[in-house]
């Protein structure tokens, strides 16, 4: 039973990391579109692409299985 709790905490931590990473990409995408100084120098689709990447990361964090979350956590920490 304890190993299940430990695995769940690893998956939960990986979800939080994916939420933060996805949120950062979405915020960057919105900034590239909405801030005039950034919009002037960024390519036209850069903000939409960043926001799309962020949305994809957020959806993986929200709807991914615990096994996928453990794999993502290992990938983000550099373990195989």
PDB file of N, CA and C in Angstrom:
ATOM      1  N   UNK A   1       0.814  -1.192   0.000  1.00  0.00           N
ATOM      2  CA  UNK A   1       0.000   0.000   0.000  1.00  0.00           C
ATOM      3  C   UNK A   1       0.856   1.252   0.000  1.00  0.00           C
ATOM      4  N   UNK A   2       1.954   1.234   0.714  1.00  0.00           N
ATOM      5  CA  UNK A   2       2.814   2.402   0.791  1.00  0.00           C
ATOM      6  C   UNK A   2       3.454   2.722  -0.558  1.00  0.00           C
ATOM      7  N   UNK A   3       3.805   1.696  -1.338  1.00  0.00           N
ATOM      8  CA  UNK A   3       4.408   1.953  -2.646  1.00  0.00           C
ATOM      9  C   UNK A   3       3.423   2.649  -3.578  1.00  0.00           C
ATOM     10  N   UNK A   4       2.125   2.330  -3.459  1.00  0.00           N
ATOM     11  CA  UNK A   4       1.104   3.006  -4.261  1.00  0.00           C
ATOM     12  C   UNK A   4       1.001   4.477  -3.914  1.00  0.00           C
ATOM     13  N   UNK A   5       1.134   4.788  -2.642  1.00  0.00           N
ATOM     14  CA  UNK A   5       1.085   6.184  -2.208  1.00  0.00           C
ATOM     15  C   UNK A   5       2.310   6.941  -2.720  1.00  0.00           C
ATOM     16  N   UNK A   6       3.461   6.302  -2.673  1.00  0.00           N
ATOM     17  CA  UNK A   6       4.686   6.948  -3.157  1.00  0.00           C
ATOM     18  C   UNK A   6       4.582   7.191  -4.657  1.00  0.00           C
ATOM     19  N   UNK A   7       4.093   6.207  -5.405  1.00  0.00           N
ATOM     20  CA  UNK A   7       3.947   6.374  -6.849  1.00  0.00           C
ATOM     21  C   UNK A   7       2.946   7.479  -7.169  1.00  0.00           C
ATOM     22  N   UNK A   8       1.861   7.551  -6.389  1.00  0.00           N
ATOM     23  CA  UNK A   8       0.883   8.606  -6.616  1.00  0.00           C
ATOM     24  C   UNK A   8       1.483   9.979  -6.353  1.00  0.00           C
ATOM     25  N   UNK A   9       2.350  10.094  -5.354  1.00  0.00           N
ATOM     26  CA  UNK A   9       2.969  11.393  -5.079  1.00  0.00           C
ATOM     27  C   UNK A   9       3.952  11.771  -6.188  1.00  0.00           C
ATOM     28  N   UNK A  10       4.610  10.791  -6.775  1.00  0.00           N
ATOM     29  CA  UNK A  10       5.505  11.069  -7.907  1.00  0.00           C
ATOM     30  C   UNK A  10       4.682  11.563  -9.093  1.00  0.00           C
ATOM     31  N   UNK A  11       3.570  10.904  -9.367  1.00  0.00           N
ATOM     32  CA  UNK A  11       2.705  11.319 -10.471  1.00  0.00           C
ATOM     33  C   UNK A  11       2.114  12.697 -10.200  1.00  0.00           C
ATOM     34  N   UNK A  12       1.736  12.965  -8.956  1.00  0.00           N
ATOM     35  CA  UNK A  12       1.174  14.272  -8.609  1.00  0.00           C
ATOM     36  C   UNK A  12       2.218  15.375  -8.794  1.00  0.00           C
ATOM     37  N   UNK A  13       3.441  15.100  -8.361  1.00  0.00           N
ATOM     38  CA  UNK A  13       4.514  16.086  -8.534  1.00  0.00           C
ATOM     39  C   UNK A  13       4.787  16.345 -10.019  1.00  0.00           C
ATOM     40  N   UNK A  14       4.751  15.292 -10.819  1.00  0.00           N
ATOM     41  CA  UNK A  14       4.959  15.460 -12.261  1.00  0.00           C
ATOM     42  C   UNK A  14       3.831  16.278 -12.882  1.00  0.00           C
ATOM     43  N   UNK A  15       2.601  16.063 -12.418  1.00  0.00           N
ATOM     44  CA  UNK A  15       1.477  16.868 -12.916  1.00  0.00           C
ATOM     45  C   UNK A  15       1.685  18.339 -12.594  1.00  0.00           C
ATOM     46  N   UNK A  16       2.127  18.633 -11.377  1.00  0.00           N
ATOM     47  CA  UNK A  16       2.355  20.023 -10.998  1.00  0.00           C
ATOM     48  C   UNK A  16       3.436  20.658 -11.868  1.00  0.00           C
ATOM     49  N   UNK A  17       4.491  19.913 -12.149  1.00  0.00           N
ATOM     50  CA  UNK A  17       5.565  20.437 -12.999  1.00  0.00           C
ATOM     51  C   UNK A  17       5.041  20.705 -14.405  1.00  0.00           C
ATOM     52  N   UNK A  18       4.231  19.789 -14.932  1.00  0.00           N
ATOM     53  CA  UNK A  18       3.663  19.997 -16.260  1.00  0.00           C
ATOM     54  C   UNK A  18       2.698  21.181 -16.270  1.00  0.00           C
ATOM     55  N   UNK A  19       1.937  21.364 -15.191  1.00  0.00           N
ATOM     56  CA  UNK A  19       1.052  22.529 -15.109  1.00  0.00           C
ATOM     57  C   UNK A  19       1.859  23.819 -15.138  1.00  0.00           C
ATOM     58  N   UNK A  20       2.945  23.864 -14.394  1.00  0.00           N
ATOM     59  CA  UNK A  20       3.784  25.071 -14.374  1.00  0.00           C
ATOM     60  C   UNK A  20       4.436  25.322 -15.732  1.00  0.00           C
ATOM     61  N   UNK A  21       4.948  24.271 -16.344  1.00  0.00           N
ATOM     62  CA  UNK A  21       5.595  24.407 -17.647  1.00  0.00           C
ATOM     63  C   UNK A  21       4.592  24.834 -18.717  1.00  0.00           C
ATOM     64  N   UNK A  22       3.434  24.204 -18.727  1.00  0.00           N
ATOM     65  CA  UNK A  22       2.395  24.571 -19.691  1.00  0.00           C
ATOM     66  C   UNK A  22       1.894  25.981 -19.468  1.00  0.00           C
ATOM     67  N   UNK A  23       1.713  26.361 -18.216  1.00  0.00           N
ATOM     68  CA  UNK A  23       1.278  27.718 -17.902  1.00  0.00           C
ATOM     69  C   UNK A  23       2.298  28.761 -18.332  1.00  0.00           C
ATOM     70  N   UNK A  24       3.578  28.432 -18.196  1.00  0.00           N
ATOM     71  CA  UNK A  24       4.621  29.357 -18.631  1.00  0.00           C
ATOM     72  C   UNK A  24       4.575  29.549 -20.155  1.00  0.00           C
ATOM     73  N   UNK A  25       4.370  28.472 -20.889  1.00  0.00           N
ATOM     74  CA  UNK A  25       4.274  28.591 -22.349  1.00  0.00           C
ATOM     75  C   UNK A  25       3.039  29.394 -22.766  1.00  0.00           C
ATOM     76  N   UNK A  26       1.917  29.152 -22.104  1.00  0.00           N
ATOM     77  CA  UNK A  26       0.705  29.904 -22.425  1.00  0.00           C
ATOM     78  C   UNK A  26       0.904  31.384 -22.119  1.00  0.00           C
ATOM     79  N   UNK A  27       1.511  31.683 -20.969  1.00  0.00           N
ATOM     80  CA  UNK A  27       1.765  33.078 -20.607  1.00  0.00           C
ATOM     81  C   UNK A  27       2.712  33.744 -21.604  1.00  0.00           C
ATOM     82  N   UNK A  28       3.725  33.021 -22.049  1.00  0.00           N
ATOM     83  CA  UNK A  28       4.635  33.560 -23.058  1.00  0.00           C
ATOM     84  C   UNK A  28       3.895  33.821 -24.356  1.00  0.00           C
ATOM     85  N   UNK A  29       3.034  32.897 -24.744  1.00  0.00           N
ATOM     86  CA  UNK A  29       2.259  33.084 -25.971  1.00  0.00           C
ATOM     87  C   UNK A  29       1.359  34.296 -25.898  1.00  0.00           C
ATOM     88  N   UNK A  30       0.670  34.455 -24.763  1.00  0.00           N
ATOM     89  CA  UNK A  30      -0.186  35.636 -24.595  1.00  0.00           C
ATOM     90  C   UNK A  30       0.647  36.911 -24.583  1.00  0.00           C
ATOM     91  N   UNK A  31       1.808  36.864 -23.955  1.00  0.00           N
ATOM     92  CA  UNK A  31       2.673  38.046 -23.914  1.00  0.00           C
ATOM     93  C   UNK A  31       3.152  38.424 -25.306  1.00  0.00           C
ATOM     94  N   UNK A  32       3.507  37.431 -26.093  1.00  0.00           N
ATOM     95  CA  UNK A  32       3.973  37.718 -27.448  1.00  0.00           C
ATOM     96  C   UNK A  32       2.870  38.329 -28.305  1.00  0.00           C
ATOM     97  N   UNK A  33       1.632  38.002 -28.009  1.00  0.00           N
ATOM     98  CA  UNK A  33       0.513  38.550 -28.780  1.00  0.00           C
ATOM     99  C   UNK A  33       0.037  39.902 -28.251  1.00  0.00           C
ATOM    100  N   UNK A  34       0.045  40.078 -26.924  1.00  0.00           N
ATOM    101  CA  UNK A  34      -0.635  41.223 -26.326  1.00  0.00           C
ATOM    102  C   UNK A  34       0.278  42.400 -25.966  1.00  0.00           C
ATOM    103  N   UNK A  35       1.541  42.145 -25.678  1.00  0.00           N
ATOM    104  CA  UNK A  35       2.451  43.231 -25.303  1.00  0.00           C
ATOM    105  C   UNK A  35       2.971  43.875 -26.583  1.00  0.00           C
ATOM    106  N   UNK A  36       2.704  45.158 -26.784  1.00  0.00           N
ATOM    107  CA  UNK A  36       3.084  45.791 -28.056  1.00  0.00           C
ATOM    108  C   UNK A  36       4.569  45.712 -28.375  1.00  0.00           C
ATOM    109  N   UNK A  37       5.420  45.857 -27.371  1.00  0.00           N
ATOM    110  CA  UNK A  37       6.866  45.805 -27.625  1.00  0.00           C
ATOM    111  C   UNK A  37       7.298  44.416 -28.107  1.00  0.00           C
ATOM    112  N   UNK A  38       6.698  43.374 -27.544  1.00  0.00           N
ATOM    113  CA  UNK A  38       7.039  42.011 -27.971  1.00  0.00           C
ATOM    114  C   UNK A  38       6.371  41.660 -29.296  1.00  0.00           C
ATOM    115  N   UNK A  39       5.153  42.140 -29.494  1.00  0.00           N
ATOM    116  CA  UNK A  39       4.439  41.840 -30.734  1.00  0.00           C
ATOM    117  C   UNK A  39       5.127  42.458 -31.938  1.00  0.00           C
ATOM    118  N   UNK A  40       5.831  43.571 -31.719  1.00  0.00           N
ATOM    119  CA  UNK A  40       6.513  44.233 -32.830  1.00  0.00           C
ATOM    120  C   UNK A  40       7.713  43.434 -33.331  1.00  0.00           C
ATOM    121  N   UNK A  41       8.378  42.691 -32.442  1.00  0.00           N
ATOM    122  CA  UNK A  41       9.592  41.982 -32.852  1.00  0.00           C
ATOM    123  C   UNK A  41       9.374  40.487 -33.068  1.00  0.00           C
ATOM    124  N   UNK A  42       8.282  39.938 -32.552  1.00  0.00           N
ATOM    125  CA  UNK A  42       8.020  38.506 -32.685  1.00  0.00           C
ATOM    126  C   UNK A  42       7.331  38.218 -34.017  1.00  0.00           C
ATOM    127  N   UNK A  43       7.610  37.060 -34.608  1.00  0.00           N
ATOM    128  CA  UNK A  43       6.871  36.677 -35.817  1.00  0.00           C
ATOM    129  C   UNK A  43       5.374  36.581 -35.527  1.00  0.00           C
ATOM    130  N   UNK A  44       4.591  36.658 -36.565  1.00  0.00           N
ATOM    131  CA  UNK A  44       3.136  36.754 -36.411  1.00  0.00           C
ATOM    132  C   UNK A  44       2.516  35.548 -35.709  1.00  0.00           C
ATOM    133  N   UNK A  45       3.025  34.361 -35.942  1.00  0.00           N
ATOM    134  CA  UNK A  45       2.403  33.161 -35.374  1.00  0.00           C
ATOM    135  C   UNK A  45       3.122  32.645 -34.129  1.00  0.00           C
ATOM    136  N   UNK A  46       4.164  33.318 -33.696  1.00  0.00           N
ATOM    137  CA  UNK A  46       4.951  32.817 -32.562  1.00  0.00           C
ATOM    138  C   UNK A  46       4.120  32.727 -31.291  1.00  0.00           C
ATOM    139  N   UNK A  47       3.308  33.722 -31.026  1.00  0.00           N
ATOM    140  CA  UNK A  47       2.476  33.697 -29.830  1.00  0.00           C
ATOM    141  C   UNK A  47       1.465  32.581 -29.852  1.00  0.00           C
ATOM    142  N   UNK A  48       0.861  32.351 -30.992  1.00  0.00           N
ATOM    143  CA  UNK A  48      -0.131  31.276 -31.110  1.00  0.00           C
ATOM    144  C   UNK A  48       0.521  29.906 -30.972  1.00  0.00           C
ATOM    145  N   UNK A  49       1.711  29.765 -31.517  1.00  0.00           N
ATOM    146  CA  UNK A  49       2.419  28.488 -31.405  1.00  0.00           C
ATOM    147  C   UNK A  49       2.808  28.216 -29.957  1.00  0.00           C
ATOM    148  N   UNK A  50       3.334  29.232 -29.265  1.00  0.00           N
ATOM    149  CA  UNK A  50       3.692  29.059 -27.846  1.00  0.00           C
ATOM    150  C   UNK A  50       2.462  28.728 -27.010  1.00  0.00           C
ATOM    151  N   UNK A  51       1.368  29.417 -27.251  1.00  0.00           N
ATOM    152  CA  UNK A  51       0.141  29.140 -26.499  1.00  0.00           C
ATOM    153  C   UNK A  51      -0.378  27.732 -26.811  1.00  0.00           C
ATOM    154  N   UNK A  52      -0.253  27.297 -28.052  1.00  0.00           N
ATOM    155  CA  UNK A  52      -0.678  25.939 -28.419  1.00  0.00           C
ATOM    156  C   UNK A  52       0.169  24.873 -27.760  1.00  0.00           C
ATOM    157  N   UNK A  53       1.476  25.100 -27.710  1.00  0.00           N
ATOM    158  CA  UNK A  53       2.367  24.162 -27.021  1.00  0.00           C
ATOM    159  C   UNK A  53       2.009  24.100 -25.542  1.00  0.00           C
ATOM    160  N   UNK A  54       1.766  25.262 -24.948  1.00  0.00           N
ATOM    161  CA  UNK A  54       1.377  25.298 -23.541  1.00  0.00           C
ATOM    162  C   UNK A  54       0.069  24.572 -23.285  1.00  0.00           C
ATOM    163  N   UNK A  55      -0.893  24.753 -24.174  1.00  0.00           N
ATOM    164  CA  UNK A  55      -2.177  24.070 -24.017  1.00  0.00           C
ATOM    165  C   UNK A  55      -2.002  22.555 -24.131  1.00  0.00           C
ATOM    166  N   UNK A  56      -1.139  22.114 -25.033  1.00  0.00           N
ATOM    167  CA  UNK A  56      -0.885  20.676 -25.173  1.00  0.00           C
ATOM    168  C   UNK A  56      -0.231  20.119 -23.912  1.00  0.00           C
ATOM    169  N   UNK A  57       0.736  20.841 -23.343  1.00  0.00           N
ATOM    170  CA  UNK A  57       1.393  20.389 -22.120  1.00  0.00           C
ATOM    171  C   UNK A  57       0.395  20.357 -20.963  1.00  0.00           C
ATOM    172  N   UNK A  58      -0.449  21.382 -20.873  1.00  0.00           N
ATOM    173  CA  UNK A  58      -1.468  21.399 -19.823  1.00  0.00           C
ATOM    174  C   UNK A  58      -2.435  20.232 -19.955  1.00  0.00           C
ATOM    175  N   UNK A  59      -2.826  19.899 -21.185  1.00  0.00           N
ATOM    176  CA  UNK A  59      -3.763  18.790 -21.367  1.00  0.00           C
ATOM    177  C   UNK A  59      -3.102  17.444 -21.059  1.00  0.00           C
ATOM    178  N   UNK A  60      -1.822  17.308 -21.350  1.00  0.00           N
ATOM    179  CA  UNK A  60      -1.121  16.077 -20.975  1.00  0.00           C
ATOM    180  C   UNK A  60      -1.082  15.957 -19.455  1.00  0.00           C
ATOM    181  N   UNK A  61      -0.800  17.061 -18.779  1.00  0.00           N
ATOM    182  CA  UNK A  61      -0.784  17.038 -17.324  1.00  0.00           C
ATOM    183  C   UNK A  61      -2.145  16.741 -16.732  1.00  0.00           C
ATOM    184  N   UNK A  62      -3.198  17.205 -17.366  1.00  0.00           N
ATOM    185  CA  UNK A  62      -4.544  17.018 -16.824  1.00  0.00           C
ATOM    186  C   UNK A  62      -5.103  15.636 -17.132  1.00  0.00           C
ATOM    187  N   UNK A  63      -4.932  15.161 -18.350  1.00  0.00           N
ATOM    188  CA  UNK A  63      -5.602  13.942 -18.779  1.00  0.00           C
ATOM    189  C   UNK A  63      -4.678  12.732 -18.906  1.00  0.00           C
ATOM    190  N   UNK A  64      -3.382  12.901 -18.674  1.00  0.00           N
ATOM    191  CA  UNK A  64      -2.449  11.788 -18.794  1.00  0.00           C
ATOM    192  C   UNK A  64      -2.597  10.795 -17.651  1.00  0.00           C
ATOM    193  N   UNK A  65      -2.250   9.549 -17.922  1.00  0.00           N
ATOM    194  CA  UNK A  65      -2.330   8.511 -16.891  1.00  0.00           C
ATOM    195  C   UNK A  65      -1.185   8.684 -15.892  1.00  0.00           C
ATOM    196  N   UNK A  66      -1.296   7.997 -14.754  1.00  0.00           N
ATOM    197  CA  UNK A  66      -0.228   8.060 -13.752  1.00  0.00           C
ATOM    198  C   UNK A  66       1.077   7.494 -14.313  1.00  0.00           C
ATOM    199  N   UNK A  67       0.964   6.471 -15.136  1.00  0.00           N
ATOM    200  CA  UNK A  67       2.172   5.889 -15.739  1.00  0.00           C
ATOM    201  C   UNK A  67       2.863   6.908 -16.641  1.00  0.00           C
ATOM    202  N   UNK A  68       2.085   7.632 -17.440  1.00  0.00           N
ATOM    203  CA  UNK A  68       2.657   8.672 -18.288  1.00  0.00           C
ATOM    204  C   UNK A  68       3.298   9.763 -17.436  1.00  0.00           C
ATOM    205  N   UNK A  69       2.665  10.107 -16.318  1.00  0.00           N
ATOM    206  CA  UNK A  69       3.216  11.144 -15.445  1.00  0.00           C
ATOM    207  C   UNK A  69       4.545  10.702 -14.852  1.00  0.00           C
ATOM    208  N   UNK A  70       4.655   9.440 -14.464  1.00  0.00           N
ATOM    209  CA  UNK A  70       5.931   8.935 -13.937  1.00  0.00           C
ATOM    210  C   UNK A  70       7.001   8.963 -15.015  1.00  0.00           C
ATOM    211  N   UNK A  71       6.621   8.660 -16.260  1.00  0.00           N
ATOM    212  CA  UNK A  71       7.590   8.718 -17.363  1.00  0.00           C
ATOM    213  C   UNK A  71       8.036  10.151 -17.631  1.00  0.00           C
ATOM    214  N   UNK A  72       7.094  11.081 -17.574  1.00  0.00           N
ATOM    215  CA  UNK A  72       7.433  12.497 -17.765  1.00  0.00           C
ATOM    216  C   UNK A  72       8.337  12.991 -16.657  1.00  0.00           C
ATOM    217  N   UNK A  73       8.064  12.558 -15.438  1.00  0.00           N
ATOM    218  CA  UNK A  73       8.888  12.962 -14.301  1.00  0.00           C
ATOM    219  C   UNK A  73      10.314  12.448 -14.467  1.00  0.00           C
ATOM    220  N   UNK A  74      10.449  11.209 -14.910  1.00  0.00           N
ATOM    221  CA  UNK A  74      11.786  10.650 -15.144  1.00  0.00           C
ATOM    222  C   UNK A  74      12.483  11.393 -16.276  1.00  0.00           C
ATOM    223  N   UNK A  75      11.754  11.759 -17.299  1.00  0.00           N
ATOM    224  CA  UNK A  75      12.343  12.481 -18.414  1.00  0.00           C
ATOM    225  C   UNK A  75      12.792  13.874 -17.992  1.00  0.00           C
ATOM    226  N   UNK A  76      11.968  14.547 -17.190  1.00  0.00           N
ATOM    227  CA  UNK A  76      12.317  15.898 -16.744  1.00  0.00           C
ATOM    228  C   UNK A  76      13.490  15.893 -15.774  1.00  0.00           C
ATOM    229  N   UNK A  77      13.638  14.829 -15.025  1.00  0.00           N
ATOM    230  CA  UNK A  77      14.755  14.734 -14.073  1.00  0.00           C
ATOM    231  C   UNK A  77      16.002  14.126 -14.702  1.00  0.00           C
ATOM    232  N   UNK A  78      15.914  13.663 -15.933  1.00  0.00           N
ATOM    233  CA  UNK A  78      17.079  13.122 -16.621  1.00  0.00           C
ATOM    234  C   UNK A  78      17.367  11.665 -16.316  1.00  0.00           C
ATOM    235  N   UNK A  79      16.389  10.975 -15.773  1.00  0.00           N
ATOM    236  CA  UNK A  79      16.561   9.543 -15.522  1.00  0.00           C
ATOM    237  C   UNK A  79      15.885   8.756 -16.626  1.00  0.00           C
ATOM    238  N   UNK A  80      16.347   7.549 -16.851  1.00  0.00           N
ATOM    239  CA  UNK A  80      15.720   6.731 -17.911  1.00  0.00           C
ATOM    240  C   UNK A  80      14.754   5.732 -17.389  1.00  0.00           C
TER     241      UNK A  80
END
